[in-house]
Structure formats: C-alpha cells, structure tokens
Protein backbone atom coordinates (compact mmCIF):
# COMPACT_ATOMS: atom_id res chain seq x y z
CA UNK A 1 29.66 -21.92 -123.12
CA UNK A 2 31.79 -19.74 -125.34
CA UNK A 3 33.60 -16.53 -124.62
CA UNK A 4 32.11 -13.57 -126.46
CA UNK A 5 34.33 -11.79 -128.98
CA UNK A 6 34.28 -8.71 -126.76
CA UNK A 7 35.57 -10.58 -123.72
CA UNK A 8 38.05 -12.56 -125.76
CA UNK A 9 39.59 -9.31 -127.03
CA UNK A 10 39.80 -7.99 -123.46
CA UNK A 11 41.51 -11.16 -122.27
CA UNK A 12 43.96 -11.25 -125.17
CA UNK A 13 44.96 -7.62 -124.48
CA UNK A 14 45.52 -8.37 -120.77
CA UNK A 15 47.12 -11.77 -121.36
CA UNK A 16 50.72 -10.65 -120.87
CA UNK A 17 49.88 -8.97 -117.54
CA UNK A 18 48.15 -11.95 -116.00
CA UNK A 19 44.75 -12.74 -114.56
CA UNK A 20 43.81 -12.14 -110.92
CA UNK A 21 41.24 -14.72 -109.89
CA UNK A 22 38.93 -14.15 -106.94
CA UNK A 23 38.21 -16.74 -104.26
CA UNK A 24 34.72 -17.73 -105.45
CA UNK A 25 35.92 -18.52 -108.96
CA UNK A 26 38.98 -20.38 -107.73
CA UNK A 27 36.67 -22.39 -105.48
CA UNK A 28 34.54 -23.23 -108.53
CA UNK A 29 37.65 -24.48 -110.35
CA UNK A 30 38.69 -26.66 -107.42
CA UNK A 31 35.24 -28.12 -106.75
CA UNK A 32 34.70 -28.68 -110.47
CA UNK A 33 38.00 -30.55 -110.47
CA UNK A 34 36.35 -33.13 -108.21
CA UNK A 35 33.79 -33.71 -110.96
CA UNK A 36 31.33 -31.23 -112.41
CA UNK A 37 28.46 -32.94 -110.58
CA UNK A 38 29.98 -31.71 -107.29
CA UNK A 39 29.44 -28.06 -108.24
CA UNK A 40 25.69 -28.25 -107.55
CA UNK A 41 26.16 -30.34 -104.39
CA UNK A 42 28.43 -27.95 -102.50
CA UNK A 43 26.62 -25.03 -100.86
CA UNK A 44 29.31 -22.50 -101.83
CA UNK A 45 29.28 -23.39 -105.55
CA UNK A 46 25.59 -24.16 -105.97
CA UNK A 47 25.03 -20.92 -107.88
CA UNK A 48 27.25 -22.25 -110.67
CA UNK A 49 26.61 -24.86 -113.37
CA UNK A 50 28.95 -27.43 -114.94
CA UNK A 51 29.22 -25.09 -117.95
CA UNK A 52 30.71 -22.47 -115.63
CA UNK A 53 33.53 -24.85 -114.77
CA UNK A 54 34.17 -25.45 -118.47
CA UNK A 55 34.10 -21.72 -119.20
CA UNK A 56 36.51 -21.01 -116.33
CA UNK A 57 38.85 -23.71 -117.60
CA UNK A 58 38.81 -22.08 -121.03
CA UNK A 59 39.51 -18.63 -119.59
CA UNK A 60 42.37 -19.90 -117.43
CA UNK A 61 43.98 -21.49 -120.47
CA UNK A 62 44.17 -18.06 -122.12
CA UNK A 63 46.51 -16.72 -119.44
CA UNK A 64 50.08 -17.83 -118.85
CA UNK A 65 49.93 -16.35 -115.33
CA UNK A 66 47.04 -16.60 -112.90
CA UNK A 67 47.70 -14.40 -109.90
CA UNK A 68 46.37 -14.97 -106.40
CA UNK A 69 47.25 -13.65 -102.99
CA UNK A 70 47.73 -15.67 -99.82
CA UNK A 71 44.45 -14.09 -98.62
CA UNK A 72 42.55 -15.48 -101.63
CA UNK A 73 44.08 -18.91 -101.08
CA UNK A 74 43.20 -18.83 -97.39
CA UNK A 75 39.58 -18.00 -98.21
CA UNK A 76 39.40 -20.93 -100.64
CA UNK A 77 41.00 -23.24 -98.09
CA UNK A 78 38.53 -22.18 -95.40
CA UNK A 79 35.57 -22.65 -97.76
CA UNK A 80 36.83 -26.10 -98.80
CA UNK A 81 36.82 -27.01 -95.11
CA UNK A 82 33.02 -26.76 -95.29
CA UNK A 83 32.68 -29.38 -98.04
CA UNK A 84 31.14 -32.76 -97.18
CA UNK A 85 33.66 -34.84 -95.23
CA UNK A 86 33.52 -37.63 -97.82
CA UNK A 87 34.97 -35.25 -100.44
CA UNK A 88 37.17 -33.04 -98.26
CA UNK A 89 40.43 -34.98 -98.65
CA UNK A 90 40.06 -35.15 -102.45
CA UNK A 91 39.10 -31.46 -102.55
CA UNK A 92 42.32 -30.50 -100.80
CA UNK A 93 44.30 -32.76 -103.15
CA UNK A 94 42.75 -30.97 -106.15
CA UNK A 95 43.49 -27.65 -104.45
CA UNK A 96 47.12 -28.66 -103.86
CA UNK A 97 47.47 -29.50 -107.56
CA UNK A 98 45.93 -26.17 -108.55
CA UNK A 99 48.41 -24.33 -106.29
CA UNK A 100 51.20 -25.56 -108.59
CA UNK A 101 49.57 -23.71 -111.50
CA UNK A 102 49.00 -20.40 -109.72
CA UNK A 103 51.35 -17.48 -109.22
CA UNK A 104 51.02 -16.54 -105.55
CA UNK A 105 51.92 -12.90 -104.95
CA UNK A 106 52.27 -11.58 -101.43
CA UNK A 107 50.52 -8.28 -100.76
CA UNK A 108 51.43 -6.97 -97.30
CA UNK A 109 48.35 -6.34 -95.18
CA UNK A 110 49.65 -2.87 -94.37
CA UNK A 111 49.71 -2.07 -98.10
CA UNK A 112 46.27 -3.56 -98.79
CA UNK A 113 44.70 -1.85 -95.79
CA UNK A 114 46.14 1.47 -96.94
CA UNK A 115 44.03 1.69 -100.10
CA UNK A 116 40.51 3.09 -100.40
CA UNK A 117 38.83 -0.30 -100.84
CA UNK A 118 39.83 -1.65 -97.45
CA UNK A 119 37.14 -0.05 -95.27
CA UNK A 120 34.33 -1.03 -97.64
CA UNK A 121 35.43 -4.41 -98.97
CA UNK A 122 38.01 -5.78 -96.57
CA UNK A 123 41.51 -7.15 -96.74
CA UNK A 124 41.20 -9.75 -99.49
CA UNK A 125 39.48 -7.45 -101.98
CA UNK A 126 41.77 -4.52 -101.26
CA UNK A 127 44.62 -6.96 -101.91
CA UNK A 128 43.04 -7.85 -105.27
CA UNK A 129 43.17 -4.16 -106.12
CA UNK A 130 46.88 -4.09 -105.29
CA UNK A 131 47.54 -7.17 -107.45
CA UNK A 132 45.78 -5.53 -110.39
CA UNK A 133 47.62 -2.21 -110.22
CA UNK A 134 50.17 -3.40 -112.79
CA UNK A 135 47.51 -3.87 -115.49
CA UNK A 136 46.53 -7.43 -114.60
CA UNK A 137 42.94 -8.39 -115.45
CA UNK A 138 40.66 -9.21 -112.50
CA UNK A 139 37.97 -11.84 -112.94
CA UNK A 140 35.39 -11.82 -110.16
CA UNK A 141 31.76 -12.67 -109.55
CA UNK A 142 31.59 -10.10 -106.75
CA UNK A 143 29.52 -7.13 -107.93
CA UNK A 144 30.75 -4.73 -105.23
CA UNK A 145 34.38 -5.53 -106.06
CA UNK A 146 33.90 -5.25 -109.81
CA UNK A 147 32.14 -1.88 -109.49
CA UNK A 148 34.82 -0.54 -107.13
CA UNK A 149 37.59 -1.66 -109.51
CA UNK A 150 35.82 -0.22 -112.56
CA UNK A 151 35.55 3.14 -110.77
CA UNK A 152 39.32 3.03 -110.28
CA UNK A 153 39.94 2.13 -113.92
CA UNK A 154 41.24 -1.36 -113.14
CA UNK A 155 40.89 -4.04 -115.83
CA UNK A 156 38.04 -6.13 -114.46
CA UNK A 157 35.45 -8.50 -115.84
CA UNK A 158 32.46 -9.45 -113.78
CA UNK A 159 32.10 -13.19 -114.36
CA UNK A 160 28.32 -12.88 -114.52
CA UNK A 161 28.67 -10.66 -117.60
CA UNK A 162 31.00 -13.23 -119.13
CA UNK A 163 28.75 -16.19 -118.47
CA UNK A 164 25.62 -14.50 -119.84
CA UNK A 165 27.18 -12.89 -122.92
C-alpha cells in the first residue's frame, strides 16, 4: 500500500507538529509487531490486513513525534489484555518497546471533559482533540471522531480514506 500524493502532502505539512495516533491504530501497530499474521487472528484488529500494518509503519516513519495520551495508552493496554493468552506476554513486550518511541502527553481529565466533544465521544476522544489543538495531525479510523474534528477545523485524516486512496 502506498500513501496517495494528497495524503503525503498533508503529512509533510503537519510533520513538524506531530501525529496524534488513536487507540485502534496503535493497537494495529502493536499486534502487527507480533507478526502480520496475528492481525487477522485478534478480534480487535480483524478488520485490518497485513498491508495496513505496513502502511501504518510507513506513516509513522514520516513523523518525528507521535503523540498519545495516557488515556489512549490505557485503552490499548486494556485491549491487549483480551488477546489470546499464548501471545499476551509478547504483545505487552512489543507494546513496551513501542512506548519508547511515543511522546506521551498528559491531558488533564478536567481539561478534556471541558470541551464540546466530551459528552458525545468521551474522555479519550476529547483528549485527542486537546492534543491536536496545537496543529498536530490526528490519524484515526473512528468516523465519529474524524467528523467531529473536521467540524472544528482540526488536522485529521480518517485512516479508511488513507487506506483506500
């Protein structure tokens, strides 16, 4: 899978501000790190293909900073807890390694809950909005989040548009 010229230009423009990665896509990166064959075996990543892991790896290499919040990391950790027990230990080892590459930014829950997204999308997604306020690019496969961010003029790419372009 290749990145379209359109998306590549968007990413290059946002490169210096960083990329905010949502929980589902970070989960894909972690599970794919176990081996691309695991992507189709794990219930939470079954909607993705091995090419999605390769595409995500390419996108992540474009950004010197990948931003996540503790809430995003907690969601990924909780979802990894659902992986088959025979892979769980390795999954958390891959996750630990990925944590070293991410820029964790704390968004106080009081701040996140104070924005307009909180009552419709919850704490994690309203925190994503706060992370993106300083011109960071958000990459998500969550349609409701991408639409809400677009309405607020936040730099966002819906991963499904990226993967099918």
